[in-house]
Amino acid sequence: MAPQYVLSDYVQQAMAQAVYDKLEDETFVGRIPCCPGVVAFGTTLMECERELRSTLEDWIWLGLRLGHRLPVIGGIDLLEEWVSLG
């Protein structure tokens, strides 16, 4: 896998695992179960998905910056890739 696509592939694989629910007030909540704390809300499903992707990207960057062990998703170990690129 080419290094320049690792992050994009990771995000795509994680988003494929997203779970969405419609709330009582007709808004949406989305979460990615394998990524603790990655939760977003939106007035539409599309807005919720955009917010979830943004939250995921921020979560990834912070995790890499702090050296947290991020989950392996789709066979991609971001921390290993990050260290090998650095």
PDB file of N, CA and C in Angstrom:
ATOM      1  N   MET A   1       0.849  -1.171   0.000  1.00  0.00           N
ATOM      2  CA  MET A   1       0.000   0.000   0.000  1.00  0.00           C
ATOM      3  C   MET A   1       0.900   1.242   0.000  1.00  0.00           C
ATOM      4  N   ALA A   2       0.650   2.166  -0.894  1.00  0.00           N
ATOM      5  CA  ALA A   2       1.464   3.368  -1.003  1.00  0.00           C
ATOM      6  C   ALA A   2       1.255   4.258   0.212  1.00  0.00           C
ATOM      7  N   PRO A   3       2.334   4.754   0.830  1.00  0.00           N
ATOM      8  CA  PRO A   3       2.218   5.554   2.054  1.00  0.00           C
ATOM      9  C   PRO A   3       1.299   6.773   1.923  1.00  0.00           C
ATOM     10  N   GLN A   4       1.267   7.416   0.765  1.00  0.00           N
ATOM     11  CA  GLN A   4       0.467   8.622   0.624  1.00  0.00           C
ATOM     12  C   GLN A   4      -1.034   8.336   0.735  1.00  0.00           C
ATOM     13  N   TYR A   5      -1.445   7.068   0.598  1.00  0.00           N
ATOM     14  CA  TYR A   5      -2.861   6.731   0.662  1.00  0.00           C
ATOM     15  C   TYR A   5      -3.269   6.057   1.965  1.00  0.00           C
ATOM     16  N   VAL A   6      -2.332   5.809   2.837  1.00  0.00           N
ATOM     17  CA  VAL A   6      -2.623   5.072   4.065  1.00  0.00           C
ATOM     18  C   VAL A   6      -3.687   5.782   4.902  1.00  0.00           C
ATOM     19  N   LEU A   7      -3.546   7.067   5.116  1.00  0.00           N
ATOM     20  CA  LEU A   7      -4.505   7.801   5.933  1.00  0.00           C
ATOM     21  C   LEU A   7      -5.880   7.817   5.276  1.00  0.00           C
ATOM     22  N   SER A   8      -5.929   8.064   3.989  1.00  0.00           N
ATOM     23  CA  SER A   8      -7.212   8.063   3.273  1.00  0.00           C
ATOM     24  C   SER A   8      -7.881   6.695   3.351  1.00  0.00           C
ATOM     25  N   ASP A   9      -7.095   5.648   3.164  1.00  0.00           N
ATOM     26  CA  ASP A   9      -7.635   4.288   3.241  1.00  0.00           C
ATOM     27  C   ASP A   9      -8.148   3.987   4.645  1.00  0.00           C
ATOM     28  N   TYR A  10      -7.417   4.429   5.646  1.00  0.00           N
ATOM     29  CA  TYR A  10      -7.814   4.201   7.041  1.00  0.00           C
ATOM     30  C   TYR A  10      -9.147   4.891   7.328  1.00  0.00           C
ATOM     31  N   VAL A  11      -9.263   6.139   6.911  1.00  0.00           N
ATOM     32  CA  VAL A  11     -10.507   6.892   7.126  1.00  0.00           C
ATOM     33  C   VAL A  11     -11.660   6.201   6.403  1.00  0.00           C
ATOM     34  N   GLN A  12     -11.433   5.803   5.173  1.00  0.00           N
ATOM     35  CA  GLN A  12     -12.476   5.134   4.390  1.00  0.00           C
ATOM     36  C   GLN A  12     -12.918   3.838   5.066  1.00  0.00           C
ATOM     37  N   GLN A  13     -11.965   3.041   5.537  1.00  0.00           N
ATOM     38  CA  GLN A  13     -12.289   1.779   6.211  1.00  0.00           C
ATOM     39  C   GLN A  13     -13.057   2.025   7.514  1.00  0.00           C
ATOM     40  N   ALA A  14     -12.638   3.049   8.258  1.00  0.00           N
ATOM     41  CA  ALA A  14     -13.324   3.364   9.516  1.00  0.00           C
ATOM     42  C   ALA A  14     -14.744   3.861   9.253  1.00  0.00           C
ATOM     43  N   MET A  15     -14.905   4.730   8.257  1.00  0.00           N
ATOM     44  CA  MET A  15     -16.231   5.257   7.938  1.00  0.00           C
ATOM     45  C   MET A  15     -17.177   4.145   7.468  1.00  0.00           C
ATOM     46  N   ALA A  16     -16.629   3.121   6.876  1.00  0.00           N
ATOM     47  CA  ALA A  16     -17.452   1.985   6.434  1.00  0.00           C
ATOM     48  C   ALA A  16     -18.057   1.243   7.633  1.00  0.00           C
ATOM     49  N   GLN A  17     -17.464   1.441   8.812  1.00  0.00           N
ATOM     50  CA  GLN A  17     -17.964   0.788  10.027  1.00  0.00           C
ATOM     51  C   GLN A  17     -18.893   1.695  10.836  1.00  0.00           C
ATOM     52  N   ALA A  18     -19.162   2.889  10.323  1.00  0.00           N
ATOM     53  CA  ALA A  18     -19.992   3.853  11.049  1.00  0.00           C
ATOM     54  C   ALA A  18     -21.411   3.320  11.243  1.00  0.00           C
ATOM     55  N   VAL A  19     -21.972   3.672  12.391  1.00  0.00           N
ATOM     56  CA  VAL A  19     -23.340   3.298  12.743  1.00  0.00           C
ATOM     57  C   VAL A  19     -24.103   4.596  12.994  1.00  0.00           C
ATOM     58  N   TYR A  20     -25.279   4.706  12.391  1.00  0.00           N
ATOM     59  CA  TYR A  20     -26.092   5.917  12.523  1.00  0.00           C
ATOM     60  C   TYR A  20     -27.448   5.567  13.119  1.00  0.00           C
ATOM     61  N   ASP A  21     -27.954   6.477  13.941  1.00  0.00           N
ATOM     62  CA  ASP A  21     -29.283   6.328  14.520  1.00  0.00           C
ATOM     63  C   ASP A  21     -30.026   7.642  14.372  1.00  0.00           C
ATOM     64  N   LYS A  22     -31.329   7.528  14.167  1.00  0.00           N
ATOM     65  CA  LYS A  22     -32.187   8.709  14.138  1.00  0.00           C
ATOM     66  C   LYS A  22     -32.735   8.909  15.543  1.00  0.00           C
ATOM     67  N   LEU A  23     -32.584  10.111  16.048  1.00  0.00           N
ATOM     68  CA  LEU A  23     -33.016  10.418  17.407  1.00  0.00           C
ATOM     69  C   LEU A  23     -34.474  10.864  17.432  1.00  0.00           C
ATOM     70  N   GLU A  24     -35.038  10.946  18.625  1.00  0.00           N
ATOM     71  CA  GLU A  24     -36.441  11.326  18.789  1.00  0.00           C
ATOM     72  C   GLU A  24     -36.758  12.692  18.197  1.00  0.00           C
ATOM     73  N   ASP A  25     -35.792  13.589  18.208  1.00  0.00           N
ATOM     74  CA  ASP A  25     -36.020  14.934  17.672  1.00  0.00           C
ATOM     75  C   ASP A  25     -35.764  15.017  16.166  1.00  0.00           C
ATOM     76  N   GLU A  26     -35.641  13.847  15.525  1.00  0.00           N
ATOM     77  CA  GLU A  26     -35.453  13.737  14.076  1.00  0.00           C
ATOM     78  C   GLU A  26     -34.043  14.103  13.607  1.00  0.00           C
ATOM     79  N   THR A  27     -33.099  14.310  14.523  1.00  0.00           N
ATOM     80  CA  THR A  27     -31.704  14.522  14.152  1.00  0.00           C
ATOM     81  C   THR A  27     -31.000  13.164  14.141  1.00  0.00           C
ATOM     82  N   PHE A  28     -29.728  13.166  13.763  1.00  0.00           N
ATOM     83  CA  PHE A  28     -28.984  11.916  13.646  1.00  0.00           C
ATOM     84  C   PHE A  28     -27.739  11.933  14.521  1.00  0.00           C
ATOM     85  N   VAL A  29     -27.362  10.764  14.977  1.00  0.00           N
ATOM     86  CA  VAL A  29     -26.107  10.573  15.688  1.00  0.00           C
ATOM     87  C   VAL A  29     -25.354   9.461  14.958  1.00  0.00           C
ATOM     88  N   GLY A  30     -24.063   9.662  14.816  1.00  0.00           N
ATOM     89  CA  GLY A  30     -23.222   8.647  14.194  1.00  0.00           C
ATOM     90  C   GLY A  30     -22.044   8.343  15.093  1.00  0.00           C
ATOM     91  N   ARG A  31     -21.572   7.111  15.028  1.00  0.00           N
ATOM     92  CA  ARG A  31     -20.410   6.715  15.817  1.00  0.00           C
ATOM     93  C   ARG A  31     -19.659   5.631  15.063  1.00  0.00           C
ATOM     94  N   ILE A  32     -18.407   5.477  15.421  1.00  0.00           N
ATOM     95  CA  ILE A  32     -17.585   4.422  14.857  1.00  0.00           C
ATOM     96  C   ILE A  32     -17.162   3.557  16.041  1.00  0.00           C
ATOM     97  N   PRO A  33     -17.798   2.395  16.208  1.00  0.00           N
ATOM     98  CA  PRO A  33     -17.583   1.583  17.406  1.00  0.00           C
ATOM     99  C   PRO A  33     -16.123   1.248  17.712  1.00  0.00           C
ATOM    100  N   CYS A  34     -15.311   1.038  16.696  1.00  0.00           N
ATOM    101  CA  CYS A  34     -13.913   0.659  16.952  1.00  0.00           C
ATOM    102  C   CYS A  34     -13.031   1.861  17.303  1.00  0.00           C
ATOM    103  N   CYS A  35     -13.592   3.063  17.260  1.00  0.00           N
ATOM    104  CA  CYS A  35     -12.844   4.290  17.568  1.00  0.00           C
ATOM    105  C   CYS A  35     -13.519   4.994  18.745  1.00  0.00           C
ATOM    106  N   PRO A  36     -13.124   4.658  19.964  1.00  0.00           N
ATOM    107  CA  PRO A  36     -13.780   5.198  21.153  1.00  0.00           C
ATOM    108  C   PRO A  36     -13.830   6.722  21.157  1.00  0.00           C
ATOM    109  N   GLY A  37     -15.023   7.247  21.399  1.00  0.00           N
ATOM    110  CA  GLY A  37     -15.194   8.692  21.497  1.00  0.00           C
ATOM    111  C   GLY A  37     -15.476   9.385  20.184  1.00  0.00           C
ATOM    112  N   VAL A  38     -15.428   8.676  19.080  1.00  0.00           N
ATOM    113  CA  VAL A  38     -15.715   9.285  17.782  1.00  0.00           C
ATOM    114  C   VAL A  38     -17.231   9.236  17.581  1.00  0.00           C
ATOM    115  N   VAL A  39     -17.868  10.369  17.891  1.00  0.00           N
ATOM    116  CA  VAL A  39     -19.321  10.510  17.834  1.00  0.00           C
ATOM    117  C   VAL A  39     -19.624  11.871  17.231  1.00  0.00           C
ATOM    118  N   ALA A  40     -20.680  11.937  16.423  1.00  0.00           N
ATOM    119  CA  ALA A  40     -21.077  13.217  15.838  1.00  0.00           C
ATOM    120  C   ALA A  40     -22.588  13.270  15.692  1.00  0.00           C
ATOM    121  N   PHE A  41     -23.092  14.490  15.586  1.00  0.00           N
ATOM    122  CA  PHE A  41     -24.527  14.732  15.446  1.00  0.00           C
ATOM    123  C   PHE A  41     -24.767  15.599  14.221  1.00  0.00           C
ATOM    124  N   GLY A  42     -25.953  15.493  13.667  1.00  0.00           N
ATOM    125  CA  GLY A  42     -26.312  16.333  12.535  1.00  0.00           C
ATOM    126  C   GLY A  42     -27.813  16.392  12.363  1.00  0.00           C
ATOM    127  N   THR A  43     -28.271  17.474  11.734  1.00  0.00           N
ATOM    128  CA  THR A  43     -29.707  17.606  11.501  1.00  0.00           C
ATOM    129  C   THR A  43     -30.169  16.714  10.356  1.00  0.00           C
ATOM    130  N   THR A  44     -29.239  16.332   9.478  1.00  0.00           N
ATOM    131  CA  THR A  44     -29.530  15.380   8.408  1.00  0.00           C
ATOM    132  C   THR A  44     -28.489  14.263   8.478  1.00  0.00           C
ATOM    133  N   LEU A  45     -28.792  13.165   7.823  1.00  0.00           N
ATOM    134  CA  LEU A  45     -27.845  12.053   7.804  1.00  0.00           C
ATOM    135  C   LEU A  45     -26.548  12.474   7.118  1.00  0.00           C
ATOM    136  N   MET A  46     -26.657  13.239   6.042  1.00  0.00           N
ATOM    137  CA  MET A  46     -25.464  13.678   5.323  1.00  0.00           C
ATOM    138  C   MET A  46     -24.599  14.604   6.191  1.00  0.00           C
ATOM    139  N   GLU A  47     -25.240  15.509   6.904  1.00  0.00           N
ATOM    140  CA  GLU A  47     -24.497  16.397   7.806  1.00  0.00           C
ATOM    141  C   GLU A  47     -23.826  15.591   8.911  1.00  0.00           C
ATOM    142  N   CYS A  48     -24.520  14.615   9.431  1.00  0.00           N
ATOM    143  CA  CYS A  48     -23.962  13.762  10.481  1.00  0.00           C
ATOM    144  C   CYS A  48     -22.742  13.015   9.961  1.00  0.00           C
ATOM    145  N   GLU A  49     -22.836  12.507   8.742  1.00  0.00           N
ATOM    146  CA  GLU A  49     -21.713  11.783   8.153  1.00  0.00           C
ATOM    147  C   GLU A  49     -20.503  12.700   7.967  1.00  0.00           C
ATOM    148  N   ARG A  50     -20.738  13.922   7.486  1.00  0.00           N
ATOM    149  CA  ARG A  50     -19.633  14.885   7.328  1.00  0.00           C
ATOM    150  C   ARG A  50     -18.989  15.213   8.669  1.00  0.00           C
ATOM    151  N   GLU A  51     -19.813  15.443   9.681  1.00  0.00           N
ATOM    152  CA  GLU A  51     -19.297  15.744  11.017  1.00  0.00           C
ATOM    153  C   GLU A  51     -18.528  14.560  11.588  1.00  0.00           C
ATOM    154  N   LEU A  52     -19.028  13.358  11.336  1.00  0.00           N
ATOM    155  CA  LEU A  52     -18.360  12.158  11.844  1.00  0.00           C
ATOM    156  C   LEU A  52     -16.989  11.999  11.195  1.00  0.00           C
ATOM    157  N   ARG A  53     -16.905  12.222   9.893  1.00  0.00           N
ATOM    158  CA  ARG A  53     -15.616  12.138   9.193  1.00  0.00           C
ATOM    159  C   ARG A  53     -14.638  13.168   9.751  1.00  0.00           C
ATOM    160  N   SER A  54     -15.106  14.383   9.975  1.00  0.00           N
ATOM    161  CA  SER A  54     -14.253  15.438  10.526  1.00  0.00           C
ATOM    162  C   SER A  54     -13.773  15.072  11.932  1.00  0.00           C
ATOM    163  N   THR A  55     -14.686  14.553  12.743  1.00  0.00           N
ATOM    164  CA  THR A  55     -14.329  14.135  14.103  1.00  0.00           C
ATOM    165  C   THR A  55     -13.309  13.009  14.054  1.00  0.00           C
ATOM    166  N   LEU A  56     -13.511  12.061  13.173  1.00  0.00           N
ATOM    167  CA  LEU A  56     -12.574  10.943  13.011  1.00  0.00           C
ATOM    168  C   LEU A  56     -11.192  11.450  12.622  1.00  0.00           C
ATOM    169  N   GLU A  57     -11.126  12.353  11.660  1.00  0.00           N
ATOM    170  CA  GLU A  57      -9.836  12.884  11.220  1.00  0.00           C
ATOM    171  C   GLU A  57      -9.111  13.596  12.358  1.00  0.00           C
ATOM    172  N   ASP A  58      -9.842  14.402  13.127  1.00  0.00           N
ATOM    173  CA  ASP A  58      -9.237  15.078  14.286  1.00  0.00           C
ATOM    174  C   ASP A  58      -8.760  14.058  15.313  1.00  0.00           C
ATOM    175  N   TRP A  59      -9.556  13.027  15.559  1.00  0.00           N
ATOM    176  CA  TRP A  59      -9.223  11.971  16.524  1.00  0.00           C
ATOM    177  C   TRP A  59      -7.949  11.253  16.103  1.00  0.00           C
ATOM    178  N   ILE A  60      -7.825  10.976  14.800  1.00  0.00           N
ATOM    179  CA  ILE A  60      -6.635  10.301  14.279  1.00  0.00           C
ATOM    180  C   ILE A  60      -5.397  11.172  14.476  1.00  0.00           C
ATOM    181  N   TRP A  61      -5.469  12.424  14.045  1.00  0.00           N
ATOM    182  CA  TRP A  61      -4.305  13.308  14.159  1.00  0.00           C
ATOM    183  C   TRP A  61      -3.869  13.494  15.612  1.00  0.00           C
ATOM    184  N   LEU A  62      -4.827  13.676  16.500  1.00  0.00           N
ATOM    185  CA  LEU A  62      -4.484  13.831  17.916  1.00  0.00           C
ATOM    186  C   LEU A  62      -3.863  12.545  18.459  1.00  0.00           C
ATOM    187  N   GLY A  63      -4.448  11.407  18.088  1.00  0.00           N
ATOM    188  CA  GLY A  63      -3.909  10.125  18.542  1.00  0.00           C
ATOM    189  C   GLY A  63      -2.488   9.904  18.059  1.00  0.00           C
ATOM    190  N   LEU A  64      -2.231  10.214  16.794  1.00  0.00           N
ATOM    191  CA  LEU A  64      -0.872  10.067  16.269  1.00  0.00           C
ATOM    192  C   LEU A  64       0.085  11.028  16.968  1.00  0.00           C
ATOM    193  N   ARG A  65      -0.352  12.252  17.142  1.00  0.00           N
ATOM    194  CA  ARG A  65       0.497  13.278  17.780  1.00  0.00           C
ATOM    195  C   ARG A  65       0.882  12.884  19.201  1.00  0.00           C
ATOM    196  N   LEU A  66      -0.080  12.280  19.913  1.00  0.00           N
ATOM    197  CA  LEU A  66       0.162  11.889  21.311  1.00  0.00           C
ATOM    198  C   LEU A  66       0.728  10.480  21.434  1.00  0.00           C
ATOM    199  N   GLY A  67       0.872   9.786  20.323  1.00  0.00           N
ATOM    200  CA  GLY A  67       1.425   8.435  20.342  1.00  0.00           C
ATOM    201  C   GLY A  67       0.479   7.383  20.883  1.00  0.00           C
ATOM    202  N   HIS A  68      -0.832   7.648  20.796  1.00  0.00           N
ATOM    203  CA  HIS A  68      -1.812   6.670  21.273  1.00  0.00           C
ATOM    204  C   HIS A  68      -1.850   5.470  20.332  1.00  0.00           C
ATOM    205  N   ARG A  69      -2.180   4.337  20.867  1.00  0.00           N
ATOM    206  CA  ARG A  69      -2.341   3.125  20.074  1.00  0.00           C
ATOM    207  C   ARG A  69      -3.724   3.202  19.425  1.00  0.00           C
ATOM    208  N   LEU A  70      -3.763   3.447  18.136  1.00  0.00           N
ATOM    209  CA  LEU A  70      -5.022   3.516  17.405  1.00  0.00           C
ATOM    210  C   LEU A  70      -5.392   2.118  16.925  1.00  0.00           C
ATOM    211  N   PRO A  71      -6.686   1.854  16.785  1.00  0.00           N
ATOM    212  CA  PRO A  71      -7.085   0.513  16.359  1.00  0.00           C
ATOM    213  C   PRO A  71      -6.616   0.208  14.937  1.00  0.00           C
ATOM    214  N   VAL A  72      -6.286  -1.043  14.702  1.00  0.00           N
ATOM    215  CA  VAL A  72      -5.968  -1.495  13.348  1.00  0.00           C
ATOM    216  C   VAL A  72      -7.308  -1.663  12.639  1.00  0.00           C
ATOM    217  N   ILE A  73      -7.462  -0.966  11.518  1.00  0.00           N
ATOM    218  CA  ILE A  73      -8.711  -1.012  10.769  1.00  0.00           C
ATOM    219  C   ILE A  73      -8.389  -1.395   9.329  1.00  0.00           C
ATOM    220  N   GLY A  74      -9.070  -2.410   8.840  1.00  0.00           N
ATOM    221  CA  GLY A  74      -8.826  -2.857   7.478  1.00  0.00           C
ATOM    222  C   GLY A  74      -7.391  -3.290   7.247  1.00  0.00           C
ATOM    223  N   GLY A  75      -6.768  -3.807   8.299  1.00  0.00           N
ATOM    224  CA  GLY A  75      -5.377  -4.249   8.201  1.00  0.00           C
ATOM    225  C   GLY A  75      -4.366  -3.115   8.248  1.00  0.00           C
ATOM    226  N   ILE A  76      -4.815  -1.899   8.489  1.00  0.00           N
ATOM    227  CA  ILE A  76      -3.922  -0.736   8.522  1.00  0.00           C
ATOM    228  C   ILE A  76      -3.609  -0.376   9.973  1.00  0.00           C
ATOM    229  N   ASP A  77      -2.336  -0.393  10.317  1.00  0.00           N
ATOM    230  CA  ASP A  77      -1.860   0.028  11.629  1.00  0.00           C
ATOM    231  C   ASP A  77      -1.235   1.409  11.443  1.00  0.00           C
ATOM    232  N   LEU A  78      -2.008   2.454  11.728  1.00  0.00           N
ATOM    233  CA  LEU A  78      -1.538   3.822  11.476  1.00  0.00           C
ATOM    234  C   LEU A  78      -0.313   4.184  12.279  1.00  0.00           C
ATOM    235  N   LEU A  79      -0.209   3.745  13.498  1.00  0.00           N
ATOM    236  CA  LEU A  79       0.938   4.100  14.309  1.00  0.00           C
ATOM    237  C   LEU A  79       2.212   3.518  13.694  1.00  0.00           C
ATOM    238  N   GLU A  80       2.142   2.296  13.218  1.00  0.00           N
ATOM    239  CA  GLU A  80       3.285   1.670  12.562  1.00  0.00           C
ATOM    240  C   GLU A  80       3.654   2.446  11.294  1.00  0.00           C
ATOM    241  N   GLU A  81       2.657   2.818  10.509  1.00  0.00           N
ATOM    242  CA  GLU A  81       2.891   3.590   9.282  1.00  0.00           C
ATOM    243  C   GLU A  81       3.481   4.957   9.614  1.00  0.00           C
ATOM    244  N   TRP A  82       2.968   5.599  10.656  1.00  0.00           N
ATOM    245  CA  TRP A  82       3.414   6.928  11.075  1.00  0.00           C
ATOM    246  C   TRP A  82       4.874   6.907  11.469  1.00  0.00           C
ATOM    247  N   VAL A  83       5.251   5.894  12.256  1.00  0.00           N
ATOM    248  CA  VAL A  83       6.630   5.761  12.718  1.00  0.00           C
ATOM    249  C   VAL A  83       7.559   5.493  11.533  1.00  0.00           C
ATOM    250  N   SER A  84       7.136   4.642  10.597  1.00  0.00           N
ATOM    251  CA  SER A  84       7.992   4.317   9.460  1.00  0.00           C
ATOM    252  C   SER A  84       8.163   5.496   8.501  1.00  0.00           C
ATOM    253  N   LEU A  85       7.194   6.411   8.474  1.00  0.00           N
ATOM    254  CA  LEU A  85       7.314   7.602   7.618  1.00  0.00           C
ATOM    255  C   LEU A  85       8.173   8.675   8.255  1.00  0.00           C
ATOM    256  N   GLY A  86       8.192   8.695   9.584  1.00  0.00           N
ATOM    257  CA  GLY A  86       8.888   9.750  10.311  1.00  0.00           C
ATOM    258  C   GLY A  86      10.340   9.532  10.325  1.00  0.00           C
TER     259      GLY A  86
END
